[in-house]
Amino acid sequence: MFDLTIELQFAAAHQLRGYKGKCEELHGHNWRVQTTVSSDKLDDTGMVIDFHELKTITSEVISSLDHSFLNKVFPFTEINPSSENIAKWIYESIRKKIKEKNCNISSVTVWENETSSATYYE
């Protein structure tokens, strides 16, 4: 089995609805997104997927989040823009884009700072 992981970043603000504490107030993060895909076979060029292609796909997904107020970006208008919900949304969005590829998405990890992250996988 092969795993490939890429990492990208975006900057965005959010506030957690219903949270009792500092995170209820408007604040921002420089988010890091790690995308991992896996496959048990390689393509004709000896790769699971080109790193550049995986970065492009992930970049397309997170572009709507970059420099935004997440609470105003669907689906975070309806669900809290927590790291957990962001990781799941990115995962599901990437899964739709790579379904015809040689690989499957394994996980998405969203870091909101140097020491705190949430990972979504199925």
Protein backbone atom coordinates (compact mmCIF):
# COMPACT_ATOMS: atom_id res chain seq x y z
CA MET A 1 0.00 0.00 0.00
CA PHE A 2 1.21 3.51 -0.81
CA ASP A 3 0.30 6.76 0.95
CA LEU A 4 0.97 10.22 -0.45
CA THR A 5 0.59 13.35 1.65
CA ILE A 6 0.65 16.99 0.61
CA GLU A 7 0.26 20.10 2.71
CA LEU A 8 -1.21 23.48 1.82
CA GLN A 9 -2.24 26.54 3.80
CA PHE A 10 -5.00 29.10 3.88
CA ALA A 11 -5.86 32.04 6.12
CA ALA A 12 -9.39 32.55 7.41
CA ALA A 13 -11.42 33.86 10.31
CA HIS A 14 -14.27 32.15 12.14
CA GLN A 15 -16.22 32.13 15.35
CA LEU A 16 -17.77 29.11 16.99
CA ARG A 17 -21.49 29.43 17.58
CA GLY A 18 -22.71 28.16 20.94
CA TYR A 19 -19.19 27.90 22.33
CA LYS A 20 -18.61 29.38 25.78
CA GLY A 21 -15.12 30.84 25.69
CA LYS A 22 -12.66 32.86 23.63
CA CYS A 23 -13.38 30.96 20.40
CA GLU A 24 -16.92 32.31 20.43
CA GLU A 25 -15.40 35.66 19.45
CA LEU A 26 -14.26 36.43 15.93
CA HIS A 27 -10.66 35.29 15.42
CA GLY A 28 -8.44 33.98 12.66
CA HIS A 29 -5.94 31.25 11.94
CA ASN A 30 -3.32 30.40 9.40
CA TRP A 31 -4.72 26.92 8.72
CA ARG A 32 -2.62 24.01 7.44
CA VAL A 33 -4.32 21.27 5.47
CA GLN A 34 -2.71 17.86 5.03
CA THR A 35 -4.31 15.61 2.43
CA THR A 36 -3.37 11.93 2.31
CA VAL A 37 -4.37 9.56 -0.48
CA SER A 38 -3.62 5.86 -0.80
CA SER A 39 -3.47 3.13 -3.42
CA ASP A 40 -2.26 -0.43 -3.62
CA LYS A 41 -0.96 0.08 -7.15
CA LEU A 42 0.97 2.61 -9.15
CA ASP A 43 0.06 4.09 -12.51
CA ASP A 44 2.13 3.67 -15.70
CA THR A 45 4.55 6.37 -14.55
CA GLY A 46 5.18 4.68 -11.20
CA MET A 47 3.06 7.09 -9.15
CA VAL A 48 -0.11 6.93 -7.12
CA ILE A 49 -0.96 10.46 -8.29
CA ASP A 50 1.29 13.33 -9.25
CA PHE A 51 1.98 15.54 -6.20
CA HIS A 52 1.23 18.59 -8.34
CA GLU A 53 -2.18 17.20 -9.31
CA LEU A 54 -3.08 16.43 -5.69
CA LYS A 55 -1.97 19.93 -4.66
CA THR A 56 -4.08 21.43 -7.46
CA ILE A 57 -7.17 19.47 -6.41
CA THR A 58 -6.73 20.39 -2.75
CA SER A 59 -6.05 24.02 -3.66
CA GLU A 60 -9.27 24.18 -5.70
CA VAL A 61 -11.23 22.90 -2.70
CA ILE A 62 -9.73 25.25 -0.11
CA SER A 63 -9.70 28.32 -2.40
CA SER A 64 -13.25 29.21 -1.31
CA LEU A 65 -12.05 29.27 2.31
CA ASP A 66 -8.92 31.36 1.85
CA HIS A 67 -9.14 34.91 3.22
CA SER A 68 -12.77 34.46 4.16
CA PHE A 69 -15.01 34.61 7.18
CA LEU A 70 -15.83 30.90 7.33
CA ASN A 71 -19.20 31.43 9.02
CA LYS A 72 -20.38 33.00 5.75
CA VAL A 73 -19.14 30.15 3.50
CA PHE A 74 -21.49 27.21 2.86
CA PRO A 75 -21.82 24.74 4.60
CA PHE A 76 -20.44 26.67 7.58
CA THR A 77 -23.43 28.98 7.39
CA GLU A 78 -25.34 25.97 8.75
CA ILE A 79 -22.73 24.02 10.74
CA ASN A 80 -20.03 25.32 13.03
CA PRO A 81 -16.71 26.03 11.29
CA SER A 82 -14.80 23.86 13.76
CA SER A 83 -11.56 22.20 12.71
CA GLU A 84 -13.42 18.87 12.74
CA ASN A 85 -16.17 20.09 10.39
CA ILE A 86 -13.66 21.81 8.10
CA ALA A 87 -11.58 18.61 7.84
CA LYS A 88 -14.67 16.54 6.99
CA TRP A 89 -15.88 19.05 4.37
CA ILE A 90 -12.46 19.17 2.69
CA TYR A 91 -12.25 15.36 2.75
CA GLU A 92 -15.66 14.93 1.11
CA SER A 93 -14.95 17.62 -1.47
CA ILE A 94 -11.63 16.06 -2.48
CA ARG A 95 -13.17 12.57 -2.57
CA LYS A 96 -15.62 13.76 -5.24
CA LYS A 97 -12.79 15.22 -7.34
CA ILE A 98 -10.52 12.15 -7.27
CA LYS A 99 -13.11 9.39 -7.69
CA GLU A 100 -11.85 8.68 -11.23
CA LYS A 101 -8.18 8.59 -10.17
CA ASN A 102 -5.91 5.70 -9.29
CA CYS A 103 -6.25 6.44 -5.56
CA ASN A 104 -8.63 6.98 -2.67
CA ILE A 105 -8.55 9.75 -0.13
CA SER A 106 -7.38 8.41 3.23
CA SER A 107 -7.55 11.42 5.50
CA VAL A 108 -7.53 15.17 5.82
CA THR A 109 -5.90 16.86 8.79
CA VAL A 110 -6.62 20.52 9.50
CA TRP A 111 -4.23 22.38 11.77
CA GLU A 112 -5.49 25.64 13.26
CA ASN A 113 -2.16 26.32 14.96
CA GLU A 114 1.18 24.62 15.61
CA THR A 115 -0.18 22.30 18.30
CA SER A 116 -3.84 21.66 17.51
CA SER A 117 -5.34 19.67 14.66
CA ALA A 118 -8.34 17.58 13.68
CA THR A 119 -8.25 14.62 11.30
CA TYR A 120 -11.16 13.18 9.35
CA TYR A 121 -11.10 9.74 7.70
CA GLU A 122 -13.55 6.96 7.01
